[in-house]
Protein backbone atom coordinates (compact mmCIF):
# COMPACT_ATOMS: atom_id res chain seq x y z
CA MET A 1 12.02 5.26 14.44
CA ALA A 2 8.89 3.13 14.63
CA PHE A 3 6.15 3.52 17.21
CA GLU A 4 3.03 2.17 15.50
CA PHE A 5 1.76 -0.46 13.13
CA LYS A 6 -1.67 -1.09 11.60
CA THR A 7 -3.17 -4.09 9.89
CA SER A 8 -6.67 -5.36 9.30
CA ARG A 9 -8.29 -8.77 9.08
CA LEU A 10 -11.65 -10.46 8.72
CA VAL A 11 -13.11 -12.26 11.71
CA GLU A 12 -13.09 -16.00 11.02
CA PHE A 13 -16.00 -18.28 11.95
CA ASN A 14 -13.80 -20.38 14.25
CA GLU A 15 -13.05 -17.26 16.35
CA THR A 16 -16.69 -16.88 17.41
CA ASP A 17 -18.62 -18.41 20.27
CA MET A 18 -22.15 -19.86 20.43
CA ALA A 19 -23.60 -16.34 20.56
CA GLY A 20 -21.95 -15.58 17.22
CA ILE A 21 -19.49 -13.03 18.61
CA VAL A 22 -15.71 -13.20 18.86
CA HIS A 23 -14.70 -15.15 21.97
CA PHE A 24 -12.89 -12.95 24.48
CA THR A 25 -9.68 -15.00 24.29
CA GLN A 26 -9.34 -14.26 20.57
CA PHE A 27 -8.57 -10.61 21.30
CA PHE A 28 -5.31 -11.75 22.94
CA ARG A 29 -4.44 -13.65 19.76
CA TYR A 30 -5.15 -10.52 17.75
CA MET A 31 -2.77 -8.53 19.97
CA GLU A 32 -0.06 -11.14 19.58
CA SER A 33 -0.46 -11.28 15.80
CA VAL A 34 -0.18 -7.49 15.39
CA GLU A 35 2.89 -7.45 17.68
CA HIS A 36 4.57 -10.11 15.50
CA ALA A 37 3.65 -8.20 12.33
CA PHE A 38 5.06 -4.98 13.83
CA LEU A 39 8.35 -6.65 14.68
CA ARG A 40 8.58 -8.21 11.20
CA SER A 41 7.90 -4.78 9.65
CA ILE A 42 11.04 -3.44 11.32
CA GLY A 43 13.18 -6.48 10.48
CA HIS A 44 12.85 -8.41 13.76
CA SER A 45 10.97 -11.29 15.30
CA VAL A 46 9.55 -12.15 18.69
CA VAL A 47 12.15 -14.95 18.74
CA MET A 48 15.81 -14.15 18.16
CA PRO A 49 17.48 -17.55 17.91
CA GLY A 50 20.68 -16.13 16.37
CA ALA A 51 21.53 -14.30 19.59
CA HIS A 52 23.88 -16.01 22.02
CA PRO A 53 22.29 -16.87 24.36
CA PRO A 54 18.92 -16.99 22.50
CA ILE A 55 16.60 -14.03 23.24
CA GLY A 56 12.82 -14.07 23.45
CA PHE A 57 9.96 -11.83 24.58
CA PRO A 58 7.57 -13.57 26.98
CA ARG A 59 4.48 -11.70 28.10
CA VAL A 60 4.57 -10.39 31.65
CA HIS A 61 1.21 -8.61 31.43
CA ALA A 62 -1.80 -8.83 29.14
CA SER A 63 -5.15 -7.11 29.55
CA CYS A 64 -8.08 -6.13 27.38
CA ASP A 65 -11.05 -3.82 27.83
CA TYR A 66 -13.99 -4.80 25.66
CA ARG A 67 -16.26 -2.09 24.26
CA ARG A 68 -18.44 -3.73 21.57
CA PRO A 69 -18.79 -7.21 20.08
CA LEU A 70 -17.16 -8.36 16.86
CA ARG A 71 -18.94 -10.89 14.67
CA PHE A 72 -18.10 -13.33 11.89
CA GLU A 73 -16.78 -11.55 8.76
CA ASP A 74 -16.45 -8.15 10.46
CA LEU A 75 -13.38 -6.30 9.20
CA VAL A 76 -11.28 -5.24 12.19
CA GLU A 77 -8.27 -2.92 12.25
CA LEU A 78 -5.51 -3.74 14.72
CA HIS A 79 -3.54 -0.63 15.66
CA LEU A 80 -0.44 -1.26 17.77
CA LEU A 81 1.29 1.62 19.53
CA VAL A 82 4.51 1.38 21.53
CA ALA A 83 3.30 2.72 24.88
CA GLU A 84 6.62 2.45 26.68
CA LYS A 85 10.16 1.29 25.97
CA ARG A 86 12.33 0.43 28.93
CA THR A 87 15.78 -1.09 29.12
CA ARG A 88 14.42 -4.65 29.41
CA SER A 89 10.79 -4.45 28.34
CA ILE A 90 8.30 -2.99 25.88
CA ALA A 91 4.68 -2.10 26.58
CA TYR A 92 2.20 -2.02 23.71
CA GLN A 93 -1.27 -0.57 23.44
CA VAL A 94 -3.46 -2.28 20.86
CA ARG A 95 -6.67 -0.68 19.64
CA MET A 96 -9.14 -2.87 17.81
CA THR A 97 -11.62 -1.03 15.61
CA ARG A 98 -14.44 -2.45 13.50
CA LEU A 99 -14.15 -0.96 10.02
CA GLN A 100 -16.95 -2.89 8.30
CA PRO A 101 -19.81 -3.11 8.56
CA GLY A 102 -20.01 0.53 9.56
CA PRO A 103 -20.03 2.70 11.43
CA ARG A 104 -16.36 2.64 12.37
CA GLU A 105 -16.17 1.97 16.12
CA GLU A 106 -13.64 0.88 18.69
CA VAL A 107 -14.39 -2.61 19.94
CA ALA A 108 -11.51 -3.22 22.37
CA VAL A 109 -8.30 -1.76 23.77
CA GLY A 110 -5.57 -4.08 24.97
CA ARG A 111 -2.21 -3.79 26.65
CA LEU A 112 0.75 -6.15 26.36
CA VAL A 113 3.99 -5.89 28.27
CA VAL A 114 6.83 -8.10 27.08
CA ALA A 115 10.13 -8.68 28.81
CA CYS A 116 13.37 -9.25 26.95
CA VAL A 117 14.92 -12.46 28.28
CA ALA A 118 17.85 -14.68 27.47
CA LYS A 119 17.60 -18.45 27.74
CA LEU A 120 20.68 -19.64 29.59
CA PRO A 121 22.34 -23.01 28.87
CA ASP A 122 20.70 -24.50 31.98
CA GLY A 123 17.25 -23.49 30.69
CA GLN A 124 16.75 -20.59 33.08
CA LEU A 125 15.42 -17.30 31.76
CA THR A 126 16.99 -14.02 32.80
CA ALA A 127 15.98 -10.46 31.95
CA VAL A 128 18.45 -8.74 29.61
CA PRO A 129 18.53 -5.35 27.87
CA LEU A 130 16.72 -5.03 24.55
CA PRO A 131 19.15 -5.73 21.71
CA ASP A 132 20.55 -2.49 20.30
CA SER A 133 19.31 -3.48 16.85
CA LEU A 134 15.73 -3.39 18.20
CA ALA A 135 16.02 -0.61 20.77
CA SER A 136 17.50 1.72 18.16
CA VAL A 137 14.52 1.44 15.79
CA ILE A 138 11.55 1.76 18.15
CA GLU A 139 10.37 4.58 20.36
CA PRO A 140 7.27 5.32 22.42
CA ALA A 141 4.34 6.77 20.52
CA PRO A 142 3.50 10.43 21.09
CA ALA A 143 1.27 10.94 24.13
CA HIS A 144 -1.64 12.30 22.10
CA LEU A 145 -1.84 9.00 20.17
CA LEU A 146 -1.83 6.96 23.38
CA ALA A 147 -4.59 9.06 24.96
CA HIS A 148 -7.71 6.97 24.71
CA ASP A 149 -10.15 9.85 24.17
CA HIS A 150 -8.61 10.98 20.87
CA PHE A 151 -10.72 8.27 19.21
CA HIS A 152 -13.99 9.36 20.83
CA PRO A 153 -14.79 12.97 19.87
CA ARG A 154 -18.42 12.42 20.92
CA ALA A 155 -17.54 11.35 24.48
CA SER A 156 -19.15 13.47 27.16
CA GLN A 157 -17.13 15.28 29.82
CA HIS A 158 -18.39 12.71 32.34
CA ASP A 159 -17.06 9.86 30.16
CA ARG A 160 -13.64 11.51 29.94
CA SER A 161 -13.24 11.74 33.69
CA ASN A 162 -13.75 8.01 34.28
C-alpha cells in the first residue's frame, strides 16, 4: 500500500518573479506535478479515460502555507503524503523542502483535496467512488508523518501550540 512519494527538482528561471523568488502560484503547480508522479508510480493517472464513463480527479480544495522563499536553481524536494482517503475523495499533504543550497529547510506545506468524478454523456460531472484499482493500493500515511512538527525538532513549545 502506498501513502507517500518523493521527488526533487531544480527551480527554473521562469518560475520566479521580479524579486527573484518563486512566484506563489508555482507552489500549486509543484503540488500537482508531485500528485501526478505519485499516481504514475502506482500505475495510475489523474485522468482515467478507459473507464466508462470517464473518471477524473478535479481539485475541490487547494491551499499552501509559505515558510521561506525559493530562488532560481534551488533544489527542492516535493514530499507527498496521503492525508486522507475517503470513498469519493483523496486529501494530500505536500511538503516542499529546500535541499540545496543548505541548510535543509521547509519552504512550504500545501494541501490538495481531489474528488473522484465521472463525466456523464451529457457533460455533467458526478461524484463516484474511487476505482477499486486505485483505492486498493493507497492508504493514509501514519499520523506521525502527517504531524507538521516532526520536521522541526528545534521548534519551541510556543511554536508547537500555534
